[in-house]
Amino acid sequence: MTGGANFYVYRICLVATLGGLLFGYDTAVISGANNALQAHFHLSDIYLGWVVGSALLGCCAGVLIAGKLTDLIGRRAVLALSAVLFLVSALVCAIIVTPT
């Protein structure tokens, strides 16, 4: 391998590693919020499991859709769409969770 090809492989490995790290971090964050979620929303153990598991189900759905969507509309458009969806979900969470 030449120097440029080595650099490319290292970059790919770094991105994959960071993806795993962030996924693990998200899992740890949601597990740290279990007690607060259960107390605030008065969730039974079954519903708490559903709430926590929903994050993983969303990840599975995203993985199945992301590749084809990227092929159809392009990488930048998918990233922009992801940013808009994150913004909308944050706003909805702020509106729903804000105490009245």
N, C-alpha and C. Protein backbone atom coordinates (compact mmCIF):
# COMPACT_ATOMS: atom_id res chain seq x y z
N MET A 1 0.84 -1.19 0.00
CA MET A 1 0.00 0.00 0.00
C MET A 1 0.88 1.24 0.00
N THR A 2 0.42 2.21 -0.72
CA THR A 2 1.15 3.48 -0.72
C THR A 2 0.71 4.32 0.47
N GLY A 3 1.42 5.42 0.69
CA GLY A 3 1.11 6.30 1.82
C GLY A 3 -0.30 6.84 1.77
N GLY A 4 -0.79 7.22 0.58
CA GLY A 4 -2.14 7.76 0.44
C GLY A 4 -3.20 6.72 0.76
N ALA A 5 -2.97 5.48 0.31
CA ALA A 5 -3.93 4.41 0.57
C ALA A 5 -3.98 4.08 2.06
N ASN A 6 -2.80 4.09 2.71
CA ASN A 6 -2.75 3.86 4.16
C ASN A 6 -3.55 4.92 4.90
N PHE A 7 -3.37 6.18 4.52
CA PHE A 7 -4.09 7.28 5.16
C PHE A 7 -5.59 7.10 5.00
N TYR A 8 -6.03 6.68 3.82
CA TYR A 8 -7.46 6.45 3.56
C TYR A 8 -8.00 5.35 4.47
N VAL A 9 -7.28 4.25 4.61
CA VAL A 9 -7.71 3.15 5.46
C VAL A 9 -7.77 3.60 6.92
N TYR A 10 -6.78 4.37 7.35
CA TYR A 10 -6.79 4.88 8.73
C TYR A 10 -7.99 5.79 8.97
N ARG A 11 -8.32 6.61 8.01
CA ARG A 11 -9.48 7.50 8.15
C ARG A 11 -10.76 6.69 8.26
N ILE A 12 -10.91 5.67 7.43
CA ILE A 12 -12.09 4.82 7.49
C ILE A 12 -12.20 4.13 8.85
N CYS A 13 -11.08 3.63 9.34
CA CYS A 13 -11.08 2.97 10.65
C CYS A 13 -11.42 3.96 11.76
N LEU A 14 -10.92 5.18 11.67
CA LEU A 14 -11.22 6.19 12.67
C LEU A 14 -12.72 6.53 12.69
N VAL A 15 -13.31 6.69 11.52
CA VAL A 15 -14.74 7.00 11.45
C VAL A 15 -15.56 5.83 12.01
N ALA A 16 -15.21 4.61 11.67
CA ALA A 16 -15.93 3.45 12.19
C ALA A 16 -15.79 3.36 13.70
N THR A 17 -14.60 3.63 14.21
CA THR A 17 -14.37 3.60 15.65
C THR A 17 -15.18 4.67 16.36
N LEU A 18 -15.19 5.88 15.82
CA LEU A 18 -15.96 6.95 16.43
C LEU A 18 -17.45 6.65 16.40
N GLY A 19 -17.93 6.02 15.33
CA GLY A 19 -19.33 5.63 15.25
C GLY A 19 -19.69 4.66 16.37
N GLY A 20 -18.86 3.67 16.59
CA GLY A 20 -19.08 2.73 17.70
C GLY A 20 -19.01 3.39 19.05
N LEU A 21 -18.07 4.30 19.21
CA LEU A 21 -17.93 5.03 20.47
C LEU A 21 -19.18 5.86 20.76
N LEU A 22 -19.66 6.58 19.75
CA LEU A 22 -20.85 7.41 19.95
C LEU A 22 -22.10 6.56 20.20
N PHE A 23 -22.21 5.43 19.52
CA PHE A 23 -23.35 4.55 19.77
C PHE A 23 -23.31 4.04 21.21
N GLY A 24 -22.14 3.64 21.68
CA GLY A 24 -22.00 3.20 23.07
C GLY A 24 -22.29 4.32 24.06
N TYR A 25 -21.86 5.52 23.72
CA TYR A 25 -22.13 6.67 24.58
C TYR A 25 -23.63 6.93 24.67
N ASP A 26 -24.32 6.89 23.54
CA ASP A 26 -25.77 7.08 23.54
C ASP A 26 -26.47 6.03 24.38
N THR A 27 -26.01 4.79 24.28
CA THR A 27 -26.59 3.71 25.07
C THR A 27 -26.39 3.97 26.56
N ALA A 28 -25.21 4.45 26.93
CA ALA A 28 -24.95 4.76 28.33
C ALA A 28 -25.79 5.93 28.81
N VAL A 29 -25.99 6.91 27.95
CA VAL A 29 -26.80 8.07 28.34
C VAL A 29 -28.24 7.67 28.60
N ILE A 30 -28.82 6.87 27.71
CA ILE A 30 -30.21 6.46 27.90
C ILE A 30 -30.34 5.57 29.13
N SER A 31 -29.34 4.75 29.42
CA SER A 31 -29.45 3.91 30.61
C SER A 31 -29.33 4.75 31.88
N GLY A 32 -28.60 5.86 31.81
CA GLY A 32 -28.50 6.75 32.96
C GLY A 32 -29.77 7.54 33.20
N ALA A 33 -30.61 7.63 32.18
CA ALA A 33 -31.85 8.40 32.30
C ALA A 33 -33.05 7.52 32.66
N ASN A 34 -32.85 6.23 32.83
CA ASN A 34 -33.96 5.33 33.09
C ASN A 34 -34.80 5.73 34.29
N ASN A 35 -34.16 5.99 35.40
CA ASN A 35 -34.90 6.34 36.62
C ASN A 35 -35.70 7.62 36.44
N ALA A 36 -35.07 8.63 35.82
CA ALA A 36 -35.77 9.90 35.61
C ALA A 36 -36.95 9.72 34.65
N LEU A 37 -36.75 8.96 33.58
CA LEU A 37 -37.84 8.70 32.64
C LEU A 37 -39.00 7.99 33.32
N GLN A 38 -38.67 6.99 34.10
CA GLN A 38 -39.71 6.20 34.77
C GLN A 38 -40.48 7.06 35.77
N ALA A 39 -39.78 7.90 36.51
CA ALA A 39 -40.44 8.75 37.50
C ALA A 39 -41.26 9.85 36.85
N HIS A 40 -40.72 10.50 35.83
CA HIS A 40 -41.40 11.65 35.22
C HIS A 40 -42.65 11.22 34.45
N PHE A 41 -42.56 10.14 33.71
CA PHE A 41 -43.68 9.71 32.88
C PHE A 41 -44.50 8.59 33.51
N HIS A 42 -44.15 8.18 34.74
CA HIS A 42 -44.86 7.13 35.47
C HIS A 42 -44.96 5.86 34.62
N LEU A 43 -43.81 5.40 34.15
CA LEU A 43 -43.76 4.24 33.26
C LEU A 43 -43.64 2.95 34.05
N SER A 44 -44.35 1.92 33.61
CA SER A 44 -44.14 0.60 34.17
C SER A 44 -42.82 0.06 33.59
N ASP A 45 -42.38 -1.07 34.11
CA ASP A 45 -41.13 -1.65 33.61
C ASP A 45 -41.23 -2.01 32.13
N ILE A 46 -42.40 -2.47 31.71
CA ILE A 46 -42.58 -2.85 30.30
C ILE A 46 -42.48 -1.62 29.41
N TYR A 47 -43.14 -0.53 29.79
CA TYR A 47 -43.09 0.68 28.97
C TYR A 47 -41.69 1.30 28.99
N LEU A 48 -41.01 1.22 30.12
CA LEU A 48 -39.64 1.73 30.17
C LEU A 48 -38.75 0.94 29.21
N GLY A 49 -38.92 -0.37 29.18
CA GLY A 49 -38.18 -1.20 28.23
C GLY A 49 -38.49 -0.82 26.80
N TRP A 50 -39.75 -0.51 26.52
CA TRP A 50 -40.13 -0.10 25.17
C TRP A 50 -39.48 1.22 24.80
N VAL A 51 -39.46 2.18 25.73
CA VAL A 51 -38.85 3.48 25.47
C VAL A 51 -37.36 3.33 25.18
N VAL A 52 -36.67 2.56 26.00
CA VAL A 52 -35.23 2.37 25.82
C VAL A 52 -34.95 1.58 24.55
N GLY A 53 -35.74 0.55 24.29
CA GLY A 53 -35.55 -0.26 23.09
C GLY A 53 -35.88 0.48 21.81
N SER A 54 -36.73 1.49 21.89
CA SER A 54 -37.11 2.26 20.71
C SER A 54 -35.90 2.92 20.06
N ALA A 55 -34.96 3.35 20.87
CA ALA A 55 -33.75 3.98 20.33
C ALA A 55 -33.00 2.99 19.44
N LEU A 56 -32.90 1.77 19.89
CA LEU A 56 -32.21 0.75 19.09
C LEU A 56 -33.00 0.37 17.85
N LEU A 57 -34.32 0.32 17.97
CA LEU A 57 -35.15 0.04 16.79
C LEU A 57 -35.01 1.16 15.76
N GLY A 58 -34.94 2.39 16.23
CA GLY A 58 -34.73 3.52 15.32
C GLY A 58 -33.39 3.43 14.62
N CYS A 59 -32.38 2.98 15.34
CA CYS A 59 -31.05 2.81 14.72
C CYS A 59 -31.10 1.74 13.64
N CYS A 60 -31.78 0.64 13.92
CA CYS A 60 -31.90 -0.43 12.91
C CYS A 60 -32.63 0.06 11.67
N ALA A 61 -33.71 0.79 11.87
CA ALA A 61 -34.46 1.32 10.73
C ALA A 61 -33.60 2.30 9.94
N GLY A 62 -32.86 3.15 10.63
CA GLY A 62 -32.00 4.12 9.97
C GLY A 62 -30.93 3.47 9.12
N VAL A 63 -30.36 2.39 9.63
CA VAL A 63 -29.32 1.68 8.88
C VAL A 63 -29.90 1.08 7.61
N LEU A 64 -31.10 0.56 7.70
CA LEU A 64 -31.72 -0.06 6.52
C LEU A 64 -32.06 0.97 5.46
N ILE A 65 -32.36 2.19 5.86
CA ILE A 65 -32.80 3.22 4.93
C ILE A 65 -31.65 4.09 4.41
N ALA A 66 -30.64 4.32 5.23
CA ALA A 66 -29.62 5.32 4.93
C ALA A 66 -28.87 5.07 3.62
N GLY A 67 -28.47 3.86 3.37
CA GLY A 67 -27.68 3.57 2.16
C GLY A 67 -28.45 3.86 0.89
N LYS A 68 -29.66 3.35 0.80
CA LYS A 68 -30.47 3.56 -0.40
C LYS A 68 -30.81 5.04 -0.56
N LEU A 69 -31.13 5.71 0.55
CA LEU A 69 -31.47 7.12 0.48
C LEU A 69 -30.27 7.94 0.01
N THR A 70 -29.09 7.57 0.47
CA THR A 70 -27.88 8.26 0.04
C THR A 70 -27.64 8.05 -1.45
N ASP A 71 -27.88 6.86 -1.93
CA ASP A 71 -27.74 6.60 -3.37
C ASP A 71 -28.73 7.43 -4.18
N LEU A 72 -29.92 7.63 -3.65
CA LEU A 72 -30.97 8.35 -4.38
C LEU A 72 -30.76 9.86 -4.39
N ILE A 73 -30.49 10.45 -3.21
CA ILE A 73 -30.46 11.92 -3.15
C ILE A 73 -29.09 12.50 -2.80
N GLY A 74 -28.12 11.65 -2.46
CA GLY A 74 -26.77 12.12 -2.18
C GLY A 74 -26.47 12.25 -0.70
N ARG A 75 -25.19 12.19 -0.39
CA ARG A 75 -24.72 12.20 0.99
C ARG A 75 -25.05 13.50 1.71
N ARG A 76 -24.80 14.63 1.07
CA ARG A 76 -25.06 15.92 1.72
C ARG A 76 -26.53 16.14 1.99
N ALA A 77 -27.37 15.73 1.06
CA ALA A 77 -28.81 15.89 1.26
C ALA A 77 -29.30 15.02 2.42
N VAL A 78 -28.74 13.81 2.55
CA VAL A 78 -29.12 12.93 3.66
C VAL A 78 -28.66 13.54 4.99
N LEU A 79 -27.46 14.11 5.02
CA LEU A 79 -26.99 14.75 6.25
C LEU A 79 -27.86 15.96 6.60
N ALA A 80 -28.25 16.74 5.60
CA ALA A 80 -29.13 17.89 5.85
C ALA A 80 -30.50 17.41 6.35
N LEU A 81 -31.03 16.36 5.75
CA LEU A 81 -32.30 15.81 6.20
C LEU A 81 -32.19 15.30 7.63
N SER A 82 -31.09 14.66 7.97
CA SER A 82 -30.87 14.18 9.34
C SER A 82 -30.84 15.34 10.32
N ALA A 83 -30.18 16.42 9.94
CA ALA A 83 -30.12 17.59 10.81
C ALA A 83 -31.50 18.18 11.04
N VAL A 84 -32.30 18.25 10.00
CA VAL A 84 -33.67 18.78 10.14
C VAL A 84 -34.50 17.86 11.04
N LEU A 85 -34.38 16.56 10.85
CA LEU A 85 -35.12 15.63 11.70
C LEU A 85 -34.69 15.72 13.16
N PHE A 86 -33.39 15.88 13.41
CA PHE A 86 -32.93 16.06 14.78
C PHE A 86 -33.50 17.34 15.38
N LEU A 87 -33.52 18.41 14.61
CA LEU A 87 -34.07 19.68 15.09
C LEU A 87 -35.55 19.53 15.43
N VAL A 88 -36.30 18.92 14.54
CA VAL A 88 -37.73 18.73 14.78
C VAL A 88 -37.96 17.87 16.02
N SER A 89 -37.20 16.79 16.16
CA SER A 89 -37.38 15.92 17.33
C SER A 89 -37.01 16.64 18.62
N ALA A 90 -35.98 17.49 18.59
CA ALA A 90 -35.62 18.26 19.78
C ALA A 90 -36.71 19.25 20.15
N LEU A 91 -37.29 19.91 19.14
CA LEU A 91 -38.37 20.86 19.41
C LEU A 91 -39.61 20.15 19.96
N VAL A 92 -39.96 19.01 19.38
CA VAL A 92 -41.12 18.25 19.87
C VAL A 92 -40.88 17.80 21.31
N CYS A 93 -39.68 17.31 21.60
CA CYS A 93 -39.36 16.90 22.97
C CYS A 93 -39.43 18.08 23.92
N ALA A 94 -38.95 19.24 23.50
CA ALA A 94 -39.00 20.42 24.37
C ALA A 94 -40.44 20.84 24.64
N ILE A 95 -41.29 20.72 23.64
CA ILE A 95 -42.69 21.12 23.82
C ILE A 95 -43.43 20.11 24.70
N ILE A 96 -43.20 18.84 24.47
CA ILE A 96 -43.93 17.79 25.21
C ILE A 96 -43.43 17.69 26.64
N VAL A 97 -42.13 17.74 26.85
CA VAL A 97 -41.56 17.48 28.17
C VAL A 97 -41.60 18.71 29.07
N THR A 98 -41.71 19.90 28.50
CA THR A 98 -41.71 21.11 29.31
C THR A 98 -42.91 21.08 30.26
N PRO A 99 -42.65 21.23 31.57
CA PRO A 99 -43.76 21.20 32.53
C PRO A 99 -44.66 22.41 32.35
N THR A 100 -45.95 22.20 32.59
CA THR A 100 -46.90 23.30 32.46
C THR A 100 -47.27 23.89 33.79
